[in-house]
Amino acid sequence: MKKLLVAFTFILIPFMGLAQVYGPLGENTETFNTIRFNGVSTILAYGDTVWISPELNRNIGNASEWFRPEGADSVTDNVGRVYSLELGQDTVLAGLGYTNSDAEGSPQTAFGYYFSVDGGDSWRFEPDVT
């Protein structure tokens, strides 16, 4: 039994040096080397582009960087979060929401939509109509 334990220990020691890297890393705050906060709630892909929420990040062609949207201030300034996504060829529709801490029970509340017709290069905000 002792020989088995010693052999097993030497097998595991080389793997103890592995570590996970958290983002953002480096000077460039527009790209992330990993998915931030490890809290992805929605993943959608169209072609070679993958979109994730809650921050509307995208990855093109399985590159190592995740890009943050420019012009989607409500998401990048932490006012709202993306709760739903719908994709077309160059169209992205992101449903936004937030936690309403003023209401009893702090319910999830609709905030509006971000809409892009150029693959996420520019964004138009549409407020919630309710």
C-alpha atoms as a PDB file:
ATOM      1  CA  MET A   1       0.000   0.000   0.000  1.00  0.00           C
ATOM      2  CA  LYS A   2       2.853   2.345   0.861  1.00  0.00           C
ATOM      3  CA  LYS A   3       4.497   1.733  -2.552  1.00  0.00           C
ATOM      4  CA  LEU A   4       1.213   2.510  -4.300  1.00  0.00           C
ATOM      5  CA  LEU A   5       0.856   5.795  -2.391  1.00  0.00           C
ATOM      6  CA  VAL A   6       4.436   6.840  -3.238  1.00  0.00           C
ATOM      7  CA  ALA A   7       3.939   5.984  -6.927  1.00  0.00           C
ATOM      8  CA  PHE A   8       0.615   7.835  -7.032  1.00  0.00           C
ATOM      9  CA  THR A   9       2.219  10.923  -5.417  1.00  0.00           C
ATOM     10  CA  PHE A  10       4.957  11.090  -8.057  1.00  0.00           C
ATOM     11  CA  ILE A  11       2.343  10.870 -10.793  1.00  0.00           C
ATOM     12  CA  LEU A  12       0.375  13.849  -9.396  1.00  0.00           C
ATOM     13  CA  ILE A  13       3.281  16.182  -8.486  1.00  0.00           C
ATOM     14  CA  PRO A  14       3.902  17.437 -12.069  1.00  0.00           C
ATOM     15  CA  PHE A  15       0.267  18.619 -12.306  1.00  0.00           C
ATOM     16  CA  MET A  16       0.344  20.649  -9.083  1.00  0.00           C
ATOM     17  CA  GLY A  17       2.065  23.583 -10.818  1.00  0.00           C
ATOM     18  CA  LEU A  18      -0.857  24.323 -13.145  1.00  0.00           C
ATOM     19  CA  ALA A  19      -2.846  27.487 -12.462  1.00  0.00           C
ATOM     20  CA  GLN A  20      -5.772  29.355 -13.940  1.00  0.00           C
ATOM     21  CA  VAL A  21      -5.266  32.871 -15.303  1.00  0.00           C
ATOM     22  CA  TYR A  22      -7.933  35.488 -14.607  1.00  0.00           C
ATOM     23  CA  GLY A  23      -8.567  38.533 -16.840  1.00  0.00           C
ATOM     24  CA  PRO A  24      -8.289  41.286 -17.734  1.00  0.00           C
ATOM     25  CA  LEU A  25      -4.543  41.061 -18.244  1.00  0.00           C
ATOM     26  CA  GLY A  26      -2.120  43.587 -19.648  1.00  0.00           C
ATOM     27  CA  GLU A  27      -2.572  47.192 -20.644  1.00  0.00           C
ATOM     28  CA  ASN A  28      -5.348  46.684 -23.197  1.00  0.00           C
ATOM     29  CA  THR A  29      -8.710  46.829 -21.417  1.00  0.00           C
ATOM     30  CA  GLU A  30     -10.651  46.202 -24.630  1.00  0.00           C
ATOM     31  CA  THR A  31      -9.599  42.549 -24.831  1.00  0.00           C
ATOM     32  CA  PHE A  32      -9.708  39.809 -22.226  1.00  0.00           C
ATOM     33  CA  ASN A  33      -7.604  36.665 -22.180  1.00  0.00           C
ATOM     34  CA  THR A  34     -10.290  34.810 -20.244  1.00  0.00           C
ATOM     35  CA  ILE A  35     -14.000  35.085 -19.604  1.00  0.00           C
ATOM     36  CA  ARG A  36     -14.350  37.604 -16.809  1.00  0.00           C
ATOM     37  CA  PHE A  37     -15.842  36.693 -13.424  1.00  0.00           C
ATOM     38  CA  ASN A  38     -16.558  33.158 -14.652  1.00  0.00           C
ATOM     39  CA  GLY A  39     -20.253  34.035 -14.680  1.00  0.00           C
ATOM     40  CA  VAL A  40     -21.499  33.430 -18.210  1.00  0.00           C
ATOM     41  CA  SER A  41     -25.285  33.114 -18.371  1.00  0.00           C
ATOM     42  CA  THR A  42     -25.926  33.010 -22.145  1.00  0.00           C
ATOM     43  CA  ILE A  43     -23.743  31.703 -24.984  1.00  0.00           C
ATOM     44  CA  LEU A  44     -24.744  32.069 -28.649  1.00  0.00           C
ATOM     45  CA  ALA A  45     -22.745  31.626 -31.849  1.00  0.00           C
ATOM     46  CA  TYR A  46     -23.246  32.629 -35.457  1.00  0.00           C
ATOM     47  CA  GLY A  47     -20.586  31.553 -37.936  1.00  0.00           C
ATOM     48  CA  ASP A  48     -17.165  31.945 -36.329  1.00  0.00           C
ATOM     49  CA  THR A  49     -18.322  34.513 -33.735  1.00  0.00           C
ATOM     50  CA  VAL A  50     -19.339  33.567 -30.182  1.00  0.00           C
ATOM     51  CA  TRP A  51     -21.289  36.028 -27.993  1.00  0.00           C
ATOM     52  CA  ILE A  52     -21.621  35.699 -24.217  1.00  0.00           C
ATOM     53  CA  SER A  53     -23.485  37.523 -21.493  1.00  0.00           C
ATOM     54  CA  PRO A  54     -23.709  39.204 -19.002  1.00  0.00           C
ATOM     55  CA  GLU A  55     -21.283  41.757 -20.524  1.00  0.00           C
ATOM     56  CA  LEU A  56     -21.916  41.227 -24.266  1.00  0.00           C
ATOM     57  CA  ASN A  57     -18.376  39.985 -24.939  1.00  0.00           C
ATOM     58  CA  ARG A  58     -17.537  38.373 -28.267  1.00  0.00           C
ATOM     59  CA  ASN A  59     -14.848  36.096 -29.627  1.00  0.00           C
ATOM     60  CA  ILE A  60     -14.115  35.852 -33.348  1.00  0.00           C
ATOM     61  CA  GLY A  61     -12.525  32.791 -34.930  1.00  0.00           C
ATOM     62  CA  ASN A  62     -11.654  31.083 -31.639  1.00  0.00           C
ATOM     63  CA  ALA A  63      -8.982  33.708 -30.907  1.00  0.00           C
ATOM     64  CA  SER A  64      -7.509  33.946 -27.430  1.00  0.00           C
ATOM     65  CA  GLU A  65      -9.076  37.369 -26.726  1.00  0.00           C
ATOM     66  CA  TRP A  66     -12.632  38.308 -25.765  1.00  0.00           C
ATOM     67  CA  PHE A  67     -13.702  41.773 -26.944  1.00  0.00           C
ATOM     68  CA  ARG A  68     -15.902  44.205 -25.024  1.00  0.00           C
ATOM     69  CA  PRO A  69     -18.504  46.208 -26.942  1.00  0.00           C
ATOM     70  CA  GLU A  70     -17.816  49.846 -27.714  1.00  0.00           C
ATOM     71  CA  GLY A  71     -20.811  52.156 -27.520  1.00  0.00           C
ATOM     72  CA  ALA A  72     -22.861  49.872 -25.262  1.00  0.00           C
ATOM     73  CA  ASP A  73     -22.445  52.119 -22.225  1.00  0.00           C
ATOM     74  CA  SER A  74     -25.199  50.566 -20.113  1.00  0.00           C
ATOM     75  CA  VAL A  75     -23.386  47.228 -20.175  1.00  0.00           C
ATOM     76  CA  THR A  76     -19.782  48.436 -19.915  1.00  0.00           C
ATOM     77  CA  ASP A  77     -20.636  50.916 -17.117  1.00  0.00           C
ATOM     78  CA  ASN A  78     -22.428  48.193 -15.097  1.00  0.00           C
ATOM     79  CA  VAL A  79     -25.861  49.845 -15.275  1.00  0.00           C
ATOM     80  CA  GLY A  80     -27.513  46.797 -16.841  1.00  0.00           C
ATOM     81  CA  ARG A  81     -26.607  43.239 -17.766  1.00  0.00           C
ATOM     82  CA  VAL A  82     -27.398  41.151 -20.835  1.00  0.00           C
ATOM     83  CA  TYR A  83     -30.048  38.532 -20.010  1.00  0.00           C
ATOM     84  CA  SER A  84     -30.929  37.362 -23.525  1.00  0.00           C
ATOM     85  CA  LEU A  85     -29.297  37.300 -26.963  1.00  0.00           C
ATOM     86  CA  GLU A  86     -30.544  36.764 -30.505  1.00  0.00           C
ATOM     87  CA  LEU A  87     -28.206  36.636 -33.514  1.00  0.00           C
ATOM     88  CA  GLY A  88     -28.507  36.964 -37.274  1.00  0.00           C
ATOM     89  CA  GLN A  89     -25.858  37.295 -39.978  1.00  0.00           C
ATOM     90  CA  ASP A  90     -24.779  40.830 -38.968  1.00  0.00           C
ATOM     91  CA  THR A  91     -27.537  41.473 -36.431  1.00  0.00           C
ATOM     92  CA  VAL A  92     -27.258  41.224 -32.652  1.00  0.00           C
ATOM     93  CA  LEU A  93     -30.177  41.863 -30.289  1.00  0.00           C
ATOM     94  CA  ALA A  94     -29.341  41.891 -26.578  1.00  0.00           C
ATOM     95  CA  GLY A  95     -32.078  42.052 -23.934  1.00  0.00           C
ATOM     96  CA  LEU A  96     -30.944  44.025 -20.877  1.00  0.00           C
ATOM     97  CA  GLY A  97     -32.000  43.873 -17.262  1.00  0.00           C
ATOM     98  CA  TYR A  98     -30.896  44.715 -13.747  1.00  0.00           C
ATOM     99  CA  THR A  99     -31.627  43.731 -10.176  1.00  0.00           C
ATOM    100  CA  ASN A 100     -34.142  46.200  -8.746  1.00  0.00           C
ATOM    101  CA  SER A 101     -32.914  46.532  -5.174  1.00  0.00           C
ATOM    102  CA  ASP A 102     -35.592  49.187  -4.438  1.00  0.00           C
ATOM    103  CA  ALA A 103     -38.441  46.690  -4.950  1.00  0.00           C
ATOM    104  CA  GLU A 104     -39.425  44.031  -2.439  1.00  0.00           C
ATOM    105  CA  GLY A 105     -37.470  40.836  -3.058  1.00  0.00           C
ATOM    106  CA  SER A 106     -35.019  42.576  -5.447  1.00  0.00           C
ATOM    107  CA  PRO A 107     -36.615  41.216  -8.660  1.00  0.00           C
ATOM    108  CA  GLN A 108     -34.894  41.077 -12.045  1.00  0.00           C
ATOM    109  CA  THR A 109     -36.260  44.026 -14.022  1.00  0.00           C
ATOM    110  CA  ALA A 110     -36.285  44.780 -17.771  1.00  0.00           C
ATOM    111  CA  PHE A 111     -34.029  47.650 -18.809  1.00  0.00           C
ATOM    112  CA  GLY A 112     -34.231  47.750 -22.608  1.00  0.00           C
ATOM    113  CA  TYR A 113     -32.341  46.398 -25.615  1.00  0.00           C
ATOM    114  CA  TYR A 114     -29.101  46.911 -27.483  1.00  0.00           C
ATOM    115  CA  PHE A 115     -29.377  46.423 -31.227  1.00  0.00           C
ATOM    116  CA  SER A 116     -26.543  46.164 -33.770  1.00  0.00           C
ATOM    117  CA  VAL A 117     -26.849  45.653 -37.533  1.00  0.00           C
ATOM    118  CA  ASP A 118     -23.102  45.665 -38.270  1.00  0.00           C
ATOM    119  CA  GLY A 119     -21.922  42.638 -36.306  1.00  0.00           C
ATOM    120  CA  GLY A 120     -21.437  44.521 -33.044  1.00  0.00           C
ATOM    121  CA  ASP A 121     -19.289  47.403 -34.300  1.00  0.00           C
ATOM    122  CA  SER A 122     -21.929  49.965 -33.264  1.00  0.00           C
ATOM    123  CA  TRP A 123     -24.946  49.783 -30.936  1.00  0.00           C
ATOM    124  CA  ARG A 124     -28.345  51.459 -30.637  1.00  0.00           C
ATOM    125  CA  PHE A 125     -30.121  51.457 -27.269  1.00  0.00           C
ATOM    126  CA  GLU A 126     -33.888  50.898 -27.229  1.00  0.00           C
ATOM    127  CA  PRO A 127     -35.480  51.534 -23.805  1.00  0.00           C
ATOM    128  CA  ASP A 128     -38.029  49.145 -22.336  1.00  0.00           C
ATOM    129  CA  VAL A 129     -41.565  50.147 -23.349  1.00  0.00           C
ATOM    130  CA  THR A 130     -43.340  48.961 -20.183  1.00  0.00           C
END
